[in-house]
N, C-alpha and C. Protein backbone atom coordinates (compact mmCIF):
# COMPACT_ATOMS: atom_id res chain seq x y z
N UNK A 1 6.21 13.14 -21.80
CA UNK A 1 5.04 11.70 -20.74
C UNK A 1 6.30 11.39 -19.64
N UNK A 2 6.80 10.90 -20.43
CA UNK A 2 7.90 10.52 -18.62
C UNK A 2 7.55 10.97 -17.76
N UNK A 3 8.32 12.42 -18.10
CA UNK A 3 8.67 13.17 -17.00
C UNK A 3 6.91 13.26 -15.91
N UNK A 4 6.23 13.90 -16.58
CA UNK A 4 4.86 13.57 -16.19
C UNK A 4 3.91 12.54 -15.23
N UNK A 5 4.86 11.78 -16.17
CA UNK A 5 4.45 10.51 -15.35
C UNK A 5 4.66 9.95 -13.79
N UNK A 6 6.36 10.00 -14.27
CA UNK A 6 7.33 10.28 -12.33
C UNK A 6 6.66 11.97 -11.51
N UNK A 7 6.42 12.48 -11.88
CA UNK A 7 6.30 13.62 -11.41
C UNK A 7 5.06 13.12 -10.63
N UNK A 8 3.89 12.69 -10.71
CA UNK A 8 2.57 11.48 -10.04
C UNK A 8 3.58 10.84 -10.03
N UNK A 9 3.67 10.18 -9.88
CA UNK A 9 4.90 8.92 -9.13
C UNK A 9 5.23 9.14 -7.79
N UNK A 10 6.28 10.70 -7.70
CA UNK A 10 7.16 11.12 -6.83
C UNK A 10 5.65 11.70 -5.74
N UNK A 11 5.31 12.02 -6.27
CA UNK A 11 4.02 12.78 -5.28
C UNK A 11 2.83 11.91 -5.05
N UNK A 12 2.57 10.31 -5.10
CA UNK A 12 2.01 9.49 -5.01
C UNK A 12 2.82 9.23 -3.64
N UNK A 13 3.93 8.45 -3.93
CA UNK A 13 5.38 8.17 -2.90
C UNK A 13 5.05 9.19 -1.74
N UNK A 14 5.33 10.84 -2.06
CA UNK A 14 5.30 11.61 -0.93
C UNK A 14 4.07 11.66 -0.13
N UNK A 15 2.80 11.26 -0.11
CA UNK A 15 1.47 11.28 0.29
C UNK A 15 1.78 11.02 1.85
N UNK A 16 1.21 11.57 2.94
CA UNK A 16 1.33 11.63 4.08
C UNK A 16 0.99 9.61 4.61
N UNK A 17 0.40 9.16 4.24
CA UNK A 17 0.19 7.73 3.89
C UNK A 17 -0.36 6.59 3.42
N UNK A 18 0.91 7.27 2.55
CA UNK A 18 2.38 5.86 1.95
C UNK A 18 2.90 5.38 2.68
N UNK A 19 2.57 3.97 2.25
CA UNK A 19 3.10 3.55 3.68
C UNK A 19 4.77 3.09 3.75
N UNK A 20 4.85 2.40 2.86
CA UNK A 20 5.68 2.60 1.98
C UNK A 20 7.80 2.85 2.43
N UNK A 21 8.52 2.43 3.34
CA UNK A 21 8.88 3.21 3.41
C UNK A 21 10.34 2.93 2.64
N UNK A 22 10.65 2.27 1.79
CA UNK A 22 11.78 2.49 1.53
C UNK A 22 11.65 2.67 -0.51
N UNK A 23 10.50 2.90 -0.53
CA UNK A 23 9.80 3.58 -1.92
C UNK A 23 9.87 5.90 -1.61
N UNK A 24 9.72 5.71 -0.13
CA UNK A 24 10.64 6.91 0.28
C UNK A 24 11.73 7.21 0.38
N UNK A 25 12.16 6.87 0.90
CA UNK A 25 14.06 6.53 0.80
C UNK A 25 14.69 6.48 -0.38
N UNK A 26 14.23 5.50 -1.33
CA UNK A 26 14.86 5.70 -2.59
C UNK A 26 14.44 7.02 -3.57
N UNK A 27 12.87 7.56 -3.48
CA UNK A 27 12.83 9.10 -3.57
C UNK A 27 14.32 9.70 -3.37
N UNK A 28 13.42 9.72 -1.64
CA UNK A 28 14.72 11.02 -1.55
C UNK A 28 16.19 10.84 -1.88
N UNK A 29 16.88 9.79 -2.47
CA UNK A 29 17.73 9.61 -2.97
C UNK A 29 18.03 9.40 -3.94
N UNK A 30 17.09 9.39 -4.44
CA UNK A 30 17.01 10.23 -6.41
C UNK A 30 17.38 8.54 -6.25
N UNK A 31 17.23 7.40 -6.21
CA UNK A 31 17.37 6.06 -6.83
C UNK A 31 16.59 5.67 -6.82
N UNK A 32 15.10 5.84 -7.48
CA UNK A 32 14.64 5.20 -7.92
C UNK A 32 15.13 5.48 -10.01
N UNK A 33 14.56 3.93 -10.69
CA UNK A 33 14.89 4.08 -11.94
C UNK A 33 13.42 4.10 -12.46
N UNK A 34 13.45 4.66 -13.08
CA UNK A 34 11.78 5.16 -13.98
C UNK A 34 11.62 5.12 -15.33
N UNK A 35 11.01 4.19 -16.20
CA UNK A 35 11.00 3.65 -17.44
C UNK A 35 9.36 3.50 -17.56
N UNK A 36 9.20 4.51 -18.98
CA UNK A 36 7.04 4.46 -19.07
C UNK A 36 7.18 3.49 -20.82
N UNK A 37 6.32 2.79 -20.45
CA UNK A 37 5.68 1.77 -21.61
C UNK A 37 4.34 2.82 -22.30
N UNK A 38 3.91 1.29 -23.17
CA UNK A 38 2.91 1.76 -24.02
C UNK A 38 1.61 1.16 -23.29
N UNK A 39 1.50 -0.47 -23.06
CA UNK A 39 0.76 -1.00 -22.51
C UNK A 39 1.14 -2.04 -21.86
N UNK A 40 1.21 -2.05 -20.51
CA UNK A 40 1.42 -3.07 -19.61
C UNK A 40 0.66 -5.08 -20.49
N UNK A 41 1.34 -5.64 -20.51
CA UNK A 41 1.09 -6.77 -21.61
C UNK A 41 1.42 -7.29 -23.13
N UNK A 42 1.54 -5.87 -23.22
CA UNK A 42 2.23 -5.73 -24.74
C UNK A 42 3.03 -6.69 -24.66
N UNK A 43 3.12 -7.16 -26.36
CA UNK A 43 4.67 -7.43 -26.15
C UNK A 43 5.78 -6.70 -26.74
N UNK A 44 5.36 -4.92 -27.05
CA UNK A 44 6.82 -4.42 -27.51
C UNK A 44 6.98 -4.02 -26.41
N UNK A 45 5.38 -3.54 -24.89
CA UNK A 45 6.12 -3.25 -24.56
C UNK A 45 6.91 -4.11 -23.17
N UNK A 46 6.66 -5.26 -23.31
CA UNK A 46 7.62 -6.46 -22.38
C UNK A 46 8.99 -6.60 -22.59
N UNK A 47 9.29 -6.30 -24.39
CA UNK A 47 10.98 -6.54 -24.39
C UNK A 47 11.11 -4.85 -24.59
N UNK A 48 11.14 -4.22 -24.09
CA UNK A 48 11.27 -2.95 -24.11
C UNK A 48 11.98 -2.62 -22.44
N UNK A 49 11.01 -3.53 -21.49
CA UNK A 49 10.97 -3.08 -20.28
C UNK A 49 12.19 -4.38 -20.06
N UNK A 50 11.74 -5.27 -20.73
CA UNK A 50 12.91 -6.92 -20.34
C UNK A 50 14.56 -5.52 -20.75
N UNK A 51 15.17 -4.94 -21.70
CA UNK A 51 15.89 -4.95 -22.09
C UNK A 51 16.30 -3.99 -21.46
N UNK A 52 14.96 -2.47 -20.60
CA UNK A 52 15.69 -1.94 -19.83
C UNK A 52 16.06 -2.51 -18.78
N UNK A 53 15.69 -3.08 -17.70
CA UNK A 53 16.05 -4.24 -16.77
C UNK A 53 17.59 -5.01 -16.93
N UNK A 54 17.87 -5.18 -17.83
CA UNK A 54 19.14 -5.92 -18.39
C UNK A 54 20.57 -4.68 -17.98
N UNK A 55 19.61 -3.35 -18.84
CA UNK A 55 20.44 -2.10 -18.62
C UNK A 55 20.59 -1.84 -17.04
N UNK A 56 19.44 -1.80 -16.78
CA UNK A 56 19.56 -1.17 -15.16
C UNK A 56 21.19 -2.54 -14.11
N UNK A 57 21.02 -3.51 -14.83
CA UNK A 57 21.02 -4.78 -13.78
C UNK A 57 22.75 -3.96 -13.96
N UNK A 58 22.84 -3.83 -15.24
CA UNK A 58 24.69 -3.44 -15.31
C UNK A 58 25.38 -2.98 -14.46
N UNK A 59 24.47 -1.93 -13.32
CA UNK A 59 25.29 -1.06 -12.72
C UNK A 59 25.03 -0.64 -11.19
N UNK A 60 23.96 -2.26 -10.95
CA UNK A 60 23.62 -2.59 -9.73
C UNK A 60 24.17 -2.83 -8.99
N UNK A 61 23.98 -1.86 -7.34
CA UNK A 61 25.06 -2.78 -6.58
C UNK A 61 23.92 -2.52 -5.11
N UNK A 62 23.96 -3.67 -4.93
CA UNK A 62 23.15 -3.26 -3.51
C UNK A 62 23.88 -3.07 -2.65
N UNK A 63 23.24 -3.04 -1.48
CA UNK A 63 23.83 -1.87 0.09
C UNK A 63 22.71 -1.64 0.62
N UNK A 64 23.29 -1.85 2.03
CA UNK A 64 22.78 -1.81 3.20
C UNK A 64 22.58 -0.35 3.45
N UNK A 65 23.48 0.95 2.83
CA UNK A 65 22.94 2.08 2.79
C UNK A 65 22.26 2.73 2.13
N UNK A 66 21.45 2.39 1.08
CA UNK A 66 20.73 2.69 0.31
C UNK A 66 19.60 1.72 -0.15
N UNK A 67 18.11 2.39 -1.08
CA UNK A 67 17.85 1.09 -2.03
C UNK A 67 16.97 1.63 -2.97
N UNK A 68 17.25 1.38 -3.48
CA UNK A 68 16.87 1.83 -5.19
C UNK A 68 15.78 0.59 -5.63
N UNK A 69 15.23 1.34 -6.57
CA UNK A 69 13.90 0.25 -7.01
C UNK A 69 13.96 0.89 -9.03
N UNK A 70 13.72 -0.37 -9.12
CA UNK A 70 13.31 0.05 -10.67
C UNK A 70 11.92 -0.34 -10.88
N UNK A 71 11.35 0.78 -11.69
CA UNK A 71 9.67 1.21 -11.46
C UNK A 71 9.62 1.50 -13.26
N UNK A 72 8.84 0.51 -13.67
CA UNK A 72 7.75 0.46 -14.72
C UNK A 72 6.30 0.65 -15.35
N UNK A 73 6.07 2.11 -15.46
CA UNK A 73 4.75 2.25 -15.18
C UNK A 73 4.09 1.77 -16.93
N UNK A 74 3.13 2.62 -17.11
CA UNK A 74 2.43 2.21 -18.85
C UNK A 74 1.85 2.73 -18.97
N UNK A 75 1.19 3.58 -19.63
CA UNK A 75 0.31 4.06 -20.59
C UNK A 75 -0.84 3.80 -19.99
N UNK A 76 -1.65 2.12 -20.13
CA UNK A 76 -2.39 2.06 -20.25
C UNK A 76 -2.89 0.28 -20.31
N UNK A 77 -3.66 -0.73 -19.73
CA UNK A 77 -4.50 -0.18 -19.76
C UNK A 77 -5.08 0.33 -18.44
N UNK A 78 -5.73 1.81 -18.26
CA UNK A 78 -6.66 1.76 -17.12
C UNK A 78 -7.79 1.12 -16.86
N UNK A 79 -8.19 1.17 -15.62
CA UNK A 79 -10.00 1.62 -15.04
C UNK A 79 -9.96 -0.29 -14.97
N UNK A 80 -8.92 -1.34 -14.93
CA UNK A 80 -8.56 -2.42 -14.39
C UNK A 80 -9.56 -3.29 -13.11
N UNK A 81 -10.30 -4.21 -13.37
CA UNK A 81 -10.57 -4.55 -11.99
C UNK A 81 -9.12 -4.91 -11.46
N UNK A 82 -9.57 -5.96 -9.91
CA UNK A 82 -8.39 -6.35 -9.30
C UNK A 82 -7.90 -7.65 -10.39
N UNK A 83 -9.05 -8.54 -10.61
CA UNK A 83 -8.20 -9.53 -11.58
C UNK A 83 -7.60 -9.51 -12.17
N UNK A 84 -8.74 -8.39 -13.46
CA UNK A 84 -7.83 -7.47 -14.66
C UNK A 84 -6.30 -7.29 -14.95
N UNK A 85 -6.08 -6.91 -13.93
CA UNK A 85 -4.46 -6.17 -13.20
C UNK A 85 -3.53 -7.64 -13.22
N UNK A 86 -4.08 -7.73 -12.21
CA UNK A 86 -3.15 -9.68 -11.71
C UNK A 86 -3.47 -10.38 -13.15
N UNK A 87 -4.15 -10.69 -13.96
CA UNK A 87 -3.82 -11.54 -15.04
C UNK A 87 -3.27 -10.67 -16.40
N UNK A 88 -3.08 -9.07 -16.21
CA UNK A 88 -2.29 -8.33 -16.93
C UNK A 88 -0.20 -8.49 -16.35
N UNK A 89 -0.56 -8.42 -15.33
CA UNK A 89 0.71 -8.94 -14.65
C UNK A 89 1.64 -10.43 -14.59
N UNK A 90 0.57 -10.93 -14.98
CA UNK A 90 1.29 -12.38 -15.21
C UNK A 90 1.37 -12.94 -16.45
N UNK A 91 0.36 -11.89 -17.53
CA UNK A 91 0.62 -11.65 -19.13
C UNK A 91 2.40 -11.79 -19.28
N UNK A 92 2.11 -10.55 -18.63
CA UNK A 92 2.93 -9.62 -18.77
C UNK A 92 4.74 -10.34 -18.24
N UNK A 93 4.74 -10.66 -17.05
CA UNK A 93 5.84 -11.39 -16.48
C UNK A 93 6.80 -12.38 -17.17
N UNK A 94 5.28 -13.34 -17.77
CA UNK A 94 4.96 -15.07 -18.35
C UNK A 94 5.92 -14.32 -19.76
N UNK A 95 6.02 -13.66 -20.82
CA UNK A 95 6.63 -13.13 -21.49
C UNK A 95 7.90 -12.42 -21.70
N UNK A 96 7.76 -11.74 -20.59
CA UNK A 96 9.03 -11.68 -20.03
C UNK A 96 10.24 -12.68 -19.58
N UNK A 97 10.22 -13.42 -18.64
CA UNK A 97 10.79 -15.05 -18.53
C UNK A 97 10.71 -15.79 -19.88
N UNK A 98 9.56 -15.54 -21.15
CA UNK A 98 10.32 -15.99 -22.11
C UNK A 98 11.29 -15.46 -22.98
N UNK A 99 11.45 -14.55 -22.86
CA UNK A 99 12.22 -13.96 -23.61
C UNK A 99 13.63 -13.91 -22.49
N UNK A 100 13.71 -14.02 -21.13
CA UNK A 100 14.42 -13.61 -20.78
C UNK A 100 15.72 -15.51 -20.49
N UNK A 101 14.61 -15.88 -20.84
CA UNK A 101 15.19 -17.53 -20.82
C UNK A 101 16.14 -18.10 -21.85
N UNK A 102 15.63 -17.75 -22.92
CA UNK A 102 16.56 -17.61 -23.91
C UNK A 102 17.95 -17.91 -23.81
N UNK A 103 18.26 -16.44 -22.69
CA UNK A 103 19.60 -16.07 -22.39
C UNK A 103 20.34 -16.63 -21.06
N UNK A 104 19.50 -16.81 -20.23
CA UNK A 104 19.97 -16.54 -19.33
C UNK A 104 18.84 -17.82 -18.52
N UNK A 105 19.86 -18.25 -16.65
CA UNK A 105 19.37 -19.12 -16.38
C UNK A 105 18.34 -18.51 -15.61
N UNK A 106 17.96 -19.63 -14.28
CA UNK A 106 16.64 -18.76 -13.05
C UNK A 106 17.58 -18.03 -12.05
N UNK A 107 17.76 -17.22 -11.28
CA UNK A 107 17.83 -17.26 -10.43
C UNK A 107 18.79 -18.21 -9.37
N UNK A 108 20.02 -18.43 -9.02
CA UNK A 108 19.92 -19.86 -7.71
C UNK A 108 20.01 -19.90 -6.69
N UNK A 109 20.09 -18.76 -6.57
CA UNK A 109 19.18 -17.74 -5.50
C UNK A 109 17.77 -18.65 -4.99
N UNK A 110 17.14 -18.76 -5.79
CA UNK A 110 15.66 -18.46 -4.92
C UNK A 110 14.92 -19.53 -6.60
N UNK A 111 13.83 -20.37 -6.54
CA UNK A 111 12.76 -21.19 -6.62
C UNK A 111 11.87 -20.40 -7.60
N UNK A 112 12.08 -21.52 -8.76
CA UNK A 112 11.09 -20.68 -9.86
C UNK A 112 10.25 -21.38 -10.12
N UNK A 113 9.87 -21.65 -9.35
CA UNK A 113 7.52 -22.58 -9.08
C UNK A 113 7.76 -20.98 -8.07
N UNK A 114 6.58 -20.73 -8.32
CA UNK A 114 5.95 -19.78 -7.85
C UNK A 114 4.61 -20.03 -6.87
N UNK A 115 4.32 -21.28 -6.74
CA UNK A 115 3.58 -21.90 -5.43
C UNK A 115 4.74 -22.28 -4.16
N UNK A 116 6.06 -22.27 -4.56
CA UNK A 116 7.39 -22.00 -3.25
C UNK A 116 7.15 -20.96 -2.48
N UNK A 117 6.85 -21.15 -1.73
CA UNK A 117 7.89 -19.96 0.21
C UNK A 117 9.59 -19.31 -0.94
N UNK A 118 9.74 -20.24 -1.80
CA UNK A 118 11.08 -19.23 -1.77
C UNK A 118 11.11 -19.01 -3.27
N UNK A 119 10.41 -18.71 -3.86
CA UNK A 119 10.01 -17.89 -5.18
C UNK A 119 10.57 -16.96 -5.14
N UNK A 120 11.22 -15.90 -6.28
CA UNK A 120 10.97 -15.35 -6.73
C UNK A 120 11.34 -14.55 -8.25
N UNK A 121 11.44 -13.85 -8.78
CA UNK A 121 10.87 -13.44 -9.99
C UNK A 121 12.43 -13.08 -10.95
N UNK A 122 12.65 -14.38 -12.24
CA UNK A 122 14.17 -13.61 -12.11
C UNK A 122 14.24 -13.16 -13.37
N UNK A 123 15.45 -11.74 -13.79
CA UNK A 123 15.09 -11.15 -14.23
C UNK A 123 16.97 -11.43 -15.30
N UNK A 124 18.08 -11.36 -16.37
CA UNK A 124 19.03 -12.01 -16.18
C UNK A 124 19.41 -12.79 -14.87
N UNK A 125 19.42 -13.83 -14.46
CA UNK A 125 19.35 -14.35 -13.52
C UNK A 125 19.13 -13.73 -11.59
N UNK A 126 18.85 -12.67 -11.99
CA UNK A 126 18.59 -11.75 -10.71
C UNK A 126 17.20 -11.29 -9.87
N UNK A 127 17.37 -12.00 -8.64
CA UNK A 127 16.17 -12.34 -8.10
C UNK A 127 15.35 -10.96 -7.71
N UNK A 128 13.97 -11.26 -7.64
CA UNK A 128 13.76 -10.00 -7.74
C UNK A 128 11.64 -9.99 -6.98
N UNK A 129 11.61 -8.66 -6.72
CA UNK A 129 10.08 -8.74 -5.54
C UNK A 129 9.53 -7.68 -6.37
N UNK A 130 8.44 -8.40 -7.16
CA UNK A 130 8.00 -7.13 -7.91
C UNK A 130 5.65 -6.97 -7.35
N UNK A 131 6.29 -5.26 -6.94
CA UNK A 131 4.95 -4.93 -7.01
C UNK A 131 4.56 -4.27 -7.48
N UNK A 132 3.19 -4.74 -7.99
CA UNK A 132 2.05 -3.88 -9.26
C UNK A 132 1.20 -2.93 -8.37
N UNK A 133 1.34 -2.20 -9.35
CA UNK A 133 0.13 -1.19 -8.47
C UNK A 133 -0.47 -0.76 -10.03
N UNK A 134 -2.43 0.08 -9.10
CA UNK A 134 -3.20 0.42 -10.60
C UNK A 134 -3.78 1.12 -9.27
N UNK A 135 -4.75 1.54 -10.51
CA UNK A 135 -5.75 3.05 -10.68
C UNK A 135 -6.61 2.25 -9.24
N UNK A 136 -7.09 0.07 -9.97
CA UNK A 136 -8.17 -0.24 -9.25
C UNK A 136 -7.94 -1.08 -7.93
N UNK A 137 -7.23 -1.65 -7.60
CA UNK A 137 -6.64 -1.96 -6.28
C UNK A 137 -7.37 -1.33 -5.22
N UNK A 138 -7.53 -2.00 -4.32
CA UNK A 138 -8.67 -2.25 -3.05
C UNK A 138 -7.58 -1.49 -2.28
N UNK A 139 -6.19 -2.00 -2.43
CA UNK A 139 -4.88 -0.89 -0.37
C UNK A 139 -4.64 0.61 -1.27
N UNK A 140 -4.54 1.07 -0.89
CA UNK A 140 -3.98 2.24 -1.20
C UNK A 140 -2.70 2.60 -1.22
N UNK A 141 -2.21 1.98 -0.70
CA UNK A 141 -0.89 2.25 -1.43
C UNK A 141 -0.16 1.96 -2.95
N UNK A 142 -1.59 0.05 -2.81
CA UNK A 142 -1.52 -0.27 -4.80
C UNK A 142 -2.10 0.75 -5.35
N UNK A 143 -2.86 1.90 -4.84
CA UNK A 143 -3.77 2.45 -5.75
C UNK A 143 -3.09 3.63 -6.19
N UNK A 144 -2.22 3.63 -7.60
CA UNK A 144 -1.41 4.15 -8.69
C UNK A 144 -2.48 4.57 -9.39
N UNK A 145 -2.38 5.97 -10.57
CA UNK A 145 -3.60 6.31 -11.40
C UNK A 145 -2.92 5.32 -13.03
N UNK A 146 -1.84 4.81 -12.98
CA UNK A 146 -0.57 4.06 -14.31
C UNK A 146 -0.91 3.21 -13.66
N UNK A 147 -0.73 1.68 -14.83
CA UNK A 147 -1.12 0.91 -14.03
C UNK A 147 0.93 0.61 -14.30
N UNK A 148 1.20 0.15 -13.52
CA UNK A 148 3.06 -0.63 -12.72
C UNK A 148 3.02 -1.26 -11.80
N UNK A 149 4.68 -1.75 -12.60
CA UNK A 149 5.75 -2.86 -11.95
C UNK A 149 6.59 -2.18 -11.19
N UNK A 150 6.73 -2.62 -10.21
CA UNK A 150 7.91 -1.99 -9.46
C UNK A 150 9.13 -3.50 -8.95
N UNK A 151 10.02 -3.12 -9.88
CA UNK A 151 11.33 -4.11 -9.42
C UNK A 151 12.30 -4.43 -8.70
N UNK A 152 11.87 -4.75 -6.92
CA UNK A 152 13.05 -5.23 -5.93
C UNK A 152 13.87 -6.11 -5.82
N UNK A 153 15.17 -5.64 -5.77
CA UNK A 153 15.87 -7.08 -5.86
C UNK A 153 16.31 -7.41 -4.26
N UNK A 154 16.02 -8.83 -4.64
CA UNK A 154 16.37 -9.86 -3.42
C UNK A 154 16.94 -9.53 -3.04
N UNK A 155 18.46 -9.20 -3.42
CA UNK A 155 19.60 -9.23 -3.20
C UNK A 155 19.78 -8.26 -2.45
N UNK A 156 19.22 -6.86 -2.44
CA UNK A 156 19.36 -6.21 -2.03
C UNK A 156 18.28 -6.22 -0.28
N UNK A 157 17.65 -6.54 -0.41
CA UNK A 157 16.78 -6.99 0.78
C UNK A 157 17.76 -7.52 2.50
N UNK A 158 18.82 -8.72 1.17
CA UNK A 158 19.20 -9.58 1.72
C UNK A 158 21.00 -9.30 2.14
N UNK A 159 21.09 -7.62 1.54
CA UNK A 159 22.33 -7.03 2.10
C UNK A 159 21.87 -6.22 3.15
N UNK A 160 20.61 -5.12 3.18
CA UNK A 160 19.77 -4.68 4.62
C UNK A 160 20.03 -5.68 5.54
N UNK A 161 19.88 -7.01 5.39
CA UNK A 161 20.28 -7.78 6.94
C UNK A 161 18.90 -7.45 7.92
N UNK A 162 18.66 -7.57 9.15
CA UNK A 162 18.28 -6.69 10.25
C UNK A 162 17.51 -5.50 9.36
N UNK A 163 17.83 -4.54 9.20
CA UNK A 163 17.07 -3.69 9.07
C UNK A 163 16.27 -4.02 7.78
N UNK A 164 16.00 -4.82 7.16
CA UNK A 164 14.98 -5.48 6.41
C UNK A 164 13.98 -5.71 7.21
N UNK A 165 14.21 -6.20 8.33
CA UNK A 165 13.08 -7.23 8.64
C UNK A 165 12.33 -5.43 10.04
N UNK A 166 12.62 -4.81 10.54
CA UNK A 166 12.49 -4.13 10.46
C UNK A 166 12.35 -2.70 9.97
N UNK A 167 13.07 -2.48 8.87
CA UNK A 167 11.79 -1.44 8.14
C UNK A 167 10.26 -2.22 8.28
N UNK A 168 10.30 -3.57 7.29
CA UNK A 168 9.22 -4.28 7.38
C UNK A 168 8.33 -4.20 8.43
N UNK A 169 8.88 -4.46 10.10
CA UNK A 169 7.86 -3.81 10.97
C UNK A 169 7.22 -2.38 10.86
N UNK A 170 7.60 -1.94 10.72
CA UNK A 170 7.39 -0.30 10.29
C UNK A 170 6.72 -0.05 9.37
N UNK A 171 6.92 -1.05 8.19
CA UNK A 171 5.67 -0.41 7.64
C UNK A 171 4.17 -1.05 8.03
N UNK A 172 4.21 -2.33 8.30
CA UNK A 172 3.07 -3.22 8.50
C UNK A 172 1.97 -1.88 9.70
N UNK A 173 3.20 -0.94 11.00
CA UNK A 173 2.88 -0.84 11.86
C UNK A 173 2.02 0.60 11.05
N UNK A 174 2.31 0.93 9.97
CA UNK A 174 1.86 2.53 9.27
C UNK A 174 1.05 2.11 8.23
N UNK A 175 0.46 0.72 7.78
CA UNK A 175 -0.83 0.30 6.99
C UNK A 175 -2.10 0.28 8.45
N UNK A 176 -1.78 -0.05 9.80
CA UNK A 176 -2.38 0.04 10.78
C UNK A 176 -3.16 0.79 10.89
N UNK A 177 -2.09 2.19 10.96
CA UNK A 177 -2.19 3.67 11.56
C UNK A 177 -2.92 3.86 10.39
N UNK A 178 -2.76 3.95 9.07
CA UNK A 178 -2.93 4.23 8.09
C UNK A 178 -4.98 4.15 7.18
N UNK A 179 -4.57 2.93 7.32
CA UNK A 179 -4.95 1.98 6.62
C UNK A 179 -6.08 1.03 7.38
N UNK A 180 -6.09 0.65 8.58
CA UNK A 180 -6.61 -0.51 9.47
C UNK A 180 -7.11 -1.63 10.30
N UNK A 181 -5.34 -1.49 8.94
CA UNK A 181 -5.21 -3.12 9.29
C UNK A 181 -3.66 -3.36 7.93
N UNK A 182 -2.92 -4.18 8.74
CA UNK A 182 -1.35 -4.78 6.98
C UNK A 182 -2.27 -5.75 6.75
N UNK A 183 -1.08 -5.67 5.89
CA UNK A 183 -2.09 -6.28 4.23
C UNK A 183 -1.86 -7.47 4.07
N UNK A 184 -3.24 -7.98 3.97
CA UNK A 184 -3.90 -9.55 4.74
C UNK A 184 -2.88 -10.49 3.88
N UNK A 185 -2.59 -9.94 2.62
CA UNK A 185 -1.91 -10.69 1.89
C UNK A 185 -0.78 -11.70 2.40
N UNK A 186 -0.37 -10.37 2.78
CA UNK A 186 1.52 -10.62 3.36
C UNK A 186 1.16 -11.90 5.15
N UNK A 187 0.46 -11.11 5.66
CA UNK A 187 -0.23 -11.89 7.14
C UNK A 187 -0.38 -13.13 6.53
N UNK A 188 -1.71 -14.19 5.59
CA UNK A 188 -2.12 -14.87 5.17
C UNK A 188 -1.12 -16.02 4.70
N UNK A 189 -0.37 -15.01 3.56
CA UNK A 189 0.57 -16.44 2.19
C UNK A 189 2.20 -16.09 2.92
N UNK A 190 2.42 -16.88 2.49
CA UNK A 190 4.06 -16.97 2.56
C UNK A 190 4.43 -16.63 1.21
N UNK A 191 3.74 -17.36 0.14
CA UNK A 191 4.07 -17.48 -1.38
C UNK A 191 4.56 -16.57 -1.75
N UNK A 192 5.82 -15.63 -2.44
CA UNK A 192 5.50 -14.14 -2.71
C UNK A 192 5.00 -14.36 -3.69
N UNK A 193 4.36 -15.48 -5.32
CA UNK A 193 3.27 -14.82 -6.13
C UNK A 193 2.27 -14.23 -5.70
N UNK A 194 1.80 -14.45 -4.96
CA UNK A 194 0.76 -14.76 -4.29
C UNK A 194 0.22 -12.47 -4.42
N UNK A 195 1.86 -12.33 -4.00
CA UNK A 195 1.68 -10.37 -3.77
C UNK A 195 1.93 -9.27 -4.40
N UNK A 196 2.45 -10.27 -6.01
CA UNK A 196 2.86 -9.38 -6.69
C UNK A 196 1.35 -8.44 -7.37
N UNK A 197 0.39 -9.04 -7.96
CA UNK A 197 -0.66 -8.20 -8.30
C UNK A 197 -1.30 -7.15 -7.08
N UNK A 198 -1.83 -7.39 -5.87
CA UNK A 198 -1.85 -6.86 -4.87
C UNK A 198 -3.51 -6.66 -4.64
N UNK A 199 -3.78 -8.06 -5.35
CA UNK A 199 -5.55 -8.65 -4.45
C UNK A 199 -4.87 -9.31 -3.42
N UNK A 200 -5.72 -9.45 -2.88
CA UNK A 200 -6.06 -10.56 -1.63
C UNK A 200 -6.92 -12.10 -2.64
N UNK A 201 -6.07 -13.35 -2.90
CA UNK A 201 -6.02 -14.33 -3.40
C UNK A 201 -6.32 -15.58 -3.13
N UNK A 202 -7.36 -16.40 -3.63
CA UNK A 202 -8.15 -17.52 -2.60
C UNK A 202 -7.14 -18.37 -2.14
N UNK A 203 -7.30 -19.04 -1.23
CA UNK A 203 -6.94 -20.38 -0.87
C UNK A 203 -6.35 -21.32 -2.08
N UNK A 204 -7.35 -21.37 -3.52
CA UNK A 204 -7.02 -22.37 -4.08
C UNK A 204 -6.48 -22.08 -4.93
N UNK A 205 -6.27 -20.53 -4.89
CA UNK A 205 -5.44 -19.64 -6.32
C UNK A 205 -3.69 -20.10 -6.80
N UNK A 206 -4.01 -20.19 -8.31
CA UNK A 206 -3.14 -20.63 -8.50
C UNK A 206 -2.28 -19.53 -9.54
N UNK A 207 -0.68 -19.88 -9.19
CA UNK A 207 -0.55 -18.89 -10.14
C UNK A 207 -0.05 -19.26 -12.04
N UNK A 208 -0.48 -18.61 -12.47
CA UNK A 208 -1.06 -18.39 -13.79
C UNK A 208 1.17 -18.01 -14.63
N UNK A 209 1.82 -18.82 -14.29
CA UNK A 209 2.66 -18.71 -14.62
C UNK A 209 3.67 -20.11 -14.73
N UNK A 210 4.26 -20.46 -15.70
CA UNK A 210 4.70 -21.42 -16.31
C UNK A 210 6.66 -21.33 -16.18
N UNK A 211 7.34 -22.02 -15.58
CA UNK A 211 8.48 -20.98 -15.88
C UNK A 211 9.32 -22.38 -16.66
N UNK A 212 10.06 -21.50 -17.37
CA UNK A 212 10.81 -22.67 -18.78
C UNK A 212 11.99 -23.69 -18.68
N UNK A 213 12.18 -24.55 -19.06
CA UNK A 213 12.98 -25.75 -18.67
C UNK A 213 13.03 -26.02 -17.74
N UNK A 214 11.66 -26.33 -16.75
CA UNK A 214 11.78 -26.24 -15.31
C UNK A 214 11.32 -27.87 -14.90
């Protein structure tokens, strides 16, 4: 099952109109770490996902020369609306944080307040940018057949330096070319947490996540 899902993920990334060049580079260099779990938001899946992320961090070395992503895919639930998927994402991340905070402090490089423009999700004291994928997404590059969460290291982004901004510019140009516009969430909002679920959130949206001990 894991191999079948990864093969589907690889085909998704290899599509000519897939815009994320970082994911394409990671696939080409075989630096995508993939694990498949039963259900997004279910405690069993969250705890296994958390353990695998901590194992991933044991050998992770951010570099400006390569791009590495941890991709978690889930067998279900399928056919969620964007709002339902977003709710599942934050349930999953809240449960993961509750477990993580037993032994690790929040990354000292980023804010734990999801309303902050300096927020990043922390696992094992390492800051991540999380990208959600599911088959009900309105943006084509977020529309994968299985629910998925892609964990990209902010430390890796920082290691890329000016290359990161060039990469972001190329991605937005590809979005305009293939899909008519850049993702409006990124051009409208600075708060990172708004982008995780992939839905264009309302101005009054409040992230359903509460950091522990803050």
